[in-house]
Amino acid sequence: MKDVAARLGLDTSIGYRWMQAARQAGAPKFARLVVAGSRPTGAIAIEVGGALVRVEAGFDSELLREVVSSLSAGAK
């Protein structure tokens, strides 16, 4: 958390408050990011609840949040 907060120019306590608020709201948990290649492509792949979701550059963040939330709920 400390490194992420520093990169974003935020105080570390803000990140912890965001995570606490997300937990209380029942939001999906933070995920571990694994770099799978050496060349950036503008795309990411997310594995949630046994499903692999490939996200291209310019994606709709609200739609992605809904998909991840739905898959997370199904994995419980």
N, C-alpha and C. Protein backbone atom coordinates (compact mmCIF):
# COMPACT_ATOMS: atom_id res chain seq x y z
N MET A 1 0.83 -1.18 0.00
CA MET A 1 0.00 0.00 0.00
C MET A 1 0.88 1.25 0.00
N LYS A 2 1.95 1.21 0.72
CA LYS A 2 2.82 2.38 0.84
C LYS A 2 3.36 2.81 -0.53
N ASP A 3 3.82 1.84 -1.33
CA ASP A 3 4.37 2.15 -2.65
C ASP A 3 3.31 2.72 -3.59
N VAL A 4 2.12 2.13 -3.56
CA VAL A 4 1.03 2.60 -4.41
C VAL A 4 0.65 4.02 -4.04
N ALA A 5 0.50 4.27 -2.75
CA ALA A 5 0.14 5.62 -2.29
C ALA A 5 1.20 6.64 -2.71
N ALA A 6 2.45 6.27 -2.58
CA ALA A 6 3.53 7.19 -2.95
C ALA A 6 3.48 7.51 -4.45
N ARG A 7 3.23 6.49 -5.28
CA ARG A 7 3.15 6.72 -6.73
C ARG A 7 1.99 7.64 -7.09
N LEU A 8 0.90 7.55 -6.32
CA LEU A 8 -0.27 8.37 -6.60
C LEU A 8 -0.23 9.72 -5.89
N GLY A 9 0.80 9.91 -5.07
CA GLY A 9 0.92 11.17 -4.34
C GLY A 9 -0.08 11.30 -3.21
N LEU A 10 -0.47 10.16 -2.63
CA LEU A 10 -1.45 10.15 -1.55
C LEU A 10 -0.82 9.72 -0.24
N ASP A 11 -1.45 10.09 0.84
CA ASP A 11 -1.03 9.61 2.15
C ASP A 11 -1.47 8.16 2.28
N THR A 12 -0.65 7.33 2.87
CA THR A 12 -0.95 5.89 3.00
C THR A 12 -2.28 5.66 3.71
N SER A 13 -2.61 6.49 4.68
CA SER A 13 -3.85 6.29 5.44
C SER A 13 -5.09 6.40 4.55
N ILE A 14 -5.02 7.20 3.49
CA ILE A 14 -6.16 7.33 2.58
C ILE A 14 -6.43 5.99 1.89
N GLY A 15 -5.37 5.31 1.45
CA GLY A 15 -5.54 4.01 0.82
C GLY A 15 -6.18 3.00 1.75
N TYR A 16 -5.76 3.01 3.01
CA TYR A 16 -6.35 2.08 3.97
C TYR A 16 -7.82 2.43 4.23
N ARG A 17 -8.13 3.72 4.25
CA ARG A 17 -9.54 4.13 4.44
C ARG A 17 -10.38 3.68 3.26
N TRP A 18 -9.83 3.81 2.03
CA TRP A 18 -10.57 3.36 0.85
C TRP A 18 -10.83 1.86 0.92
N MET A 19 -9.81 1.09 1.31
CA MET A 19 -9.99 -0.37 1.40
C MET A 19 -11.02 -0.72 2.47
N GLN A 20 -11.00 -0.01 3.60
CA GLN A 20 -11.97 -0.27 4.67
C GLN A 20 -13.39 0.05 4.19
N ALA A 21 -13.56 1.19 3.51
CA ALA A 21 -14.87 1.57 2.99
C ALA A 21 -15.36 0.55 1.97
N ALA A 22 -14.46 0.07 1.12
CA ALA A 22 -14.84 -0.93 0.10
C ALA A 22 -15.28 -2.23 0.77
N ARG A 23 -14.57 -2.64 1.82
CA ARG A 23 -14.95 -3.87 2.55
C ARG A 23 -16.34 -3.72 3.15
N GLN A 24 -16.59 -2.57 3.76
CA GLN A 24 -17.89 -2.34 4.40
C GLN A 24 -19.01 -2.28 3.38
N ALA A 25 -18.70 -1.82 2.17
CA ALA A 25 -19.70 -1.74 1.10
C ALA A 25 -19.88 -3.07 0.39
N GLY A 26 -19.06 -4.06 0.73
CA GLY A 26 -19.14 -5.36 0.07
C GLY A 26 -18.52 -5.38 -1.31
N ALA A 27 -17.64 -4.42 -1.58
CA ALA A 27 -16.99 -4.34 -2.88
C ALA A 27 -16.00 -5.49 -3.05
N PRO A 28 -15.69 -5.84 -4.30
CA PRO A 28 -14.68 -6.88 -4.53
C PRO A 28 -13.35 -6.48 -3.90
N LYS A 29 -12.58 -7.46 -3.50
CA LYS A 29 -11.28 -7.22 -2.88
C LYS A 29 -10.25 -6.84 -3.92
N PHE A 30 -9.18 -6.25 -3.45
CA PHE A 30 -8.08 -5.93 -4.35
C PHE A 30 -7.49 -7.22 -4.89
N ALA A 31 -7.03 -7.17 -6.09
CA ALA A 31 -6.46 -8.35 -6.75
C ALA A 31 -4.97 -8.18 -6.94
N ARG A 32 -4.27 -9.28 -6.96
CA ARG A 32 -2.84 -9.27 -7.22
C ARG A 32 -2.63 -9.15 -8.72
N LEU A 33 -1.77 -8.25 -9.14
CA LEU A 33 -1.46 -8.05 -10.55
C LEU A 33 -0.23 -8.86 -10.90
N VAL A 34 -0.34 -9.66 -11.95
CA VAL A 34 0.78 -10.47 -12.42
C VAL A 34 1.09 -10.04 -13.84
N VAL A 35 2.31 -9.61 -14.09
CA VAL A 35 2.72 -9.21 -15.43
C VAL A 35 3.05 -10.48 -16.21
N ALA A 36 2.35 -10.66 -17.32
CA ALA A 36 2.49 -11.90 -18.07
C ALA A 36 3.36 -11.76 -19.31
N GLY A 37 3.85 -10.60 -19.58
CA GLY A 37 4.67 -10.41 -20.77
C GLY A 37 5.61 -9.23 -20.59
N SER A 38 6.50 -9.07 -21.52
CA SER A 38 7.47 -7.99 -21.40
C SER A 38 7.10 -6.77 -22.21
N ARG A 39 6.15 -6.92 -23.16
CA ARG A 39 5.76 -5.78 -23.99
C ARG A 39 4.35 -5.33 -23.62
N PRO A 40 4.19 -4.03 -23.32
CA PRO A 40 2.84 -3.56 -23.01
C PRO A 40 1.95 -3.59 -24.25
N THR A 41 0.72 -4.05 -24.09
CA THR A 41 -0.21 -4.15 -25.21
C THR A 41 -1.42 -3.25 -25.06
N GLY A 42 -1.61 -2.66 -23.89
CA GLY A 42 -2.80 -1.88 -23.64
C GLY A 42 -3.98 -2.73 -23.22
N ALA A 43 -3.76 -4.02 -23.01
CA ALA A 43 -4.82 -4.93 -22.60
C ALA A 43 -4.41 -5.62 -21.31
N ILE A 44 -5.41 -6.03 -20.54
CA ILE A 44 -5.15 -6.81 -19.33
C ILE A 44 -6.10 -8.00 -19.32
N ALA A 45 -5.74 -9.01 -18.56
CA ALA A 45 -6.62 -10.16 -18.36
C ALA A 45 -6.83 -10.31 -16.86
N ILE A 46 -8.08 -10.51 -16.47
CA ILE A 46 -8.44 -10.62 -15.06
C ILE A 46 -9.08 -11.99 -14.85
N GLU A 47 -8.61 -12.73 -13.86
CA GLU A 47 -9.22 -14.01 -13.53
C GLU A 47 -10.04 -13.84 -12.26
N VAL A 48 -11.34 -14.07 -12.38
CA VAL A 48 -12.25 -13.90 -11.25
C VAL A 48 -13.23 -15.06 -11.23
N GLY A 49 -13.32 -15.73 -10.12
CA GLY A 49 -14.30 -16.81 -9.99
C GLY A 49 -14.15 -17.90 -11.03
N GLY A 50 -12.93 -18.16 -11.46
CA GLY A 50 -12.69 -19.19 -12.45
C GLY A 50 -12.86 -18.73 -13.90
N ALA A 51 -13.26 -17.48 -14.10
CA ALA A 51 -13.43 -16.94 -15.45
C ALA A 51 -12.27 -16.01 -15.77
N LEU A 52 -11.85 -16.02 -17.03
CA LEU A 52 -10.78 -15.13 -17.48
C LEU A 52 -11.42 -14.05 -18.35
N VAL A 53 -11.26 -12.79 -17.92
CA VAL A 53 -11.84 -11.65 -18.63
C VAL A 53 -10.70 -10.85 -19.24
N ARG A 54 -10.70 -10.71 -20.56
CA ARG A 54 -9.68 -9.92 -21.25
C ARG A 54 -10.25 -8.54 -21.49
N VAL A 55 -9.49 -7.52 -21.09
CA VAL A 55 -9.94 -6.13 -21.18
C VAL A 55 -8.97 -5.37 -22.07
N GLU A 56 -9.51 -4.80 -23.15
CA GLU A 56 -8.71 -4.03 -24.09
C GLU A 56 -8.66 -2.57 -23.66
N ALA A 57 -7.70 -1.84 -24.19
CA ALA A 57 -7.58 -0.41 -23.92
C ALA A 57 -8.89 0.29 -24.29
N GLY A 58 -9.27 1.29 -23.51
CA GLY A 58 -10.49 2.04 -23.77
C GLY A 58 -11.76 1.38 -23.25
N PHE A 59 -11.62 0.41 -22.35
CA PHE A 59 -12.78 -0.33 -21.83
C PHE A 59 -13.69 0.59 -21.01
N ASP A 60 -14.92 0.15 -20.82
CA ASP A 60 -15.91 0.84 -20.00
C ASP A 60 -15.69 0.38 -18.56
N SER A 61 -15.17 1.26 -17.71
CA SER A 61 -14.80 0.88 -16.34
C SER A 61 -16.01 0.48 -15.51
N GLU A 62 -17.15 1.11 -15.73
CA GLU A 62 -18.35 0.75 -14.96
C GLU A 62 -18.83 -0.65 -15.34
N LEU A 63 -18.78 -0.98 -16.62
CA LEU A 63 -19.16 -2.32 -17.07
C LEU A 63 -18.20 -3.36 -16.49
N LEU A 64 -16.90 -3.06 -16.51
CA LEU A 64 -15.93 -3.99 -15.94
C LEU A 64 -16.20 -4.21 -14.45
N ARG A 65 -16.50 -3.14 -13.72
CA ARG A 65 -16.80 -3.26 -12.29
C ARG A 65 -18.00 -4.19 -12.08
N GLU A 66 -19.03 -4.05 -12.90
CA GLU A 66 -20.22 -4.89 -12.77
C GLU A 66 -19.91 -6.36 -13.09
N VAL A 67 -19.10 -6.59 -14.12
CA VAL A 67 -18.73 -7.96 -14.49
C VAL A 67 -17.93 -8.60 -13.37
N VAL A 68 -16.91 -7.90 -12.86
CA VAL A 68 -16.08 -8.46 -11.78
C VAL A 68 -16.91 -8.69 -10.54
N SER A 69 -17.79 -7.76 -10.21
CA SER A 69 -18.64 -7.93 -9.04
C SER A 69 -19.54 -9.15 -9.18
N SER A 70 -20.12 -9.32 -10.36
CA SER A 70 -21.00 -10.47 -10.61
C SER A 70 -20.22 -11.79 -10.52
N LEU A 71 -19.04 -11.83 -11.14
CA LEU A 71 -18.24 -13.05 -11.08
C LEU A 71 -17.77 -13.34 -9.66
N SER A 72 -17.44 -12.28 -8.91
CA SER A 72 -16.99 -12.46 -7.52
C SER A 72 -18.11 -13.02 -6.67
N ALA A 73 -19.34 -12.53 -6.88
CA ALA A 73 -20.49 -13.01 -6.11
C ALA A 73 -20.77 -14.47 -6.42
N GLY A 74 -20.58 -14.87 -7.66
CA GLY A 74 -20.81 -16.26 -8.06
C GLY A 74 -19.77 -17.22 -7.52
N ALA A 75 -18.59 -16.70 -7.17
CA ALA A 75 -17.49 -17.54 -6.69
C ALA A 75 -17.58 -17.82 -5.20
N LYS A 76 -18.50 -17.15 -4.50
CA LYS A 76 -18.60 -17.31 -3.03
C LYS A 76 -19.23 -18.60 -2.66
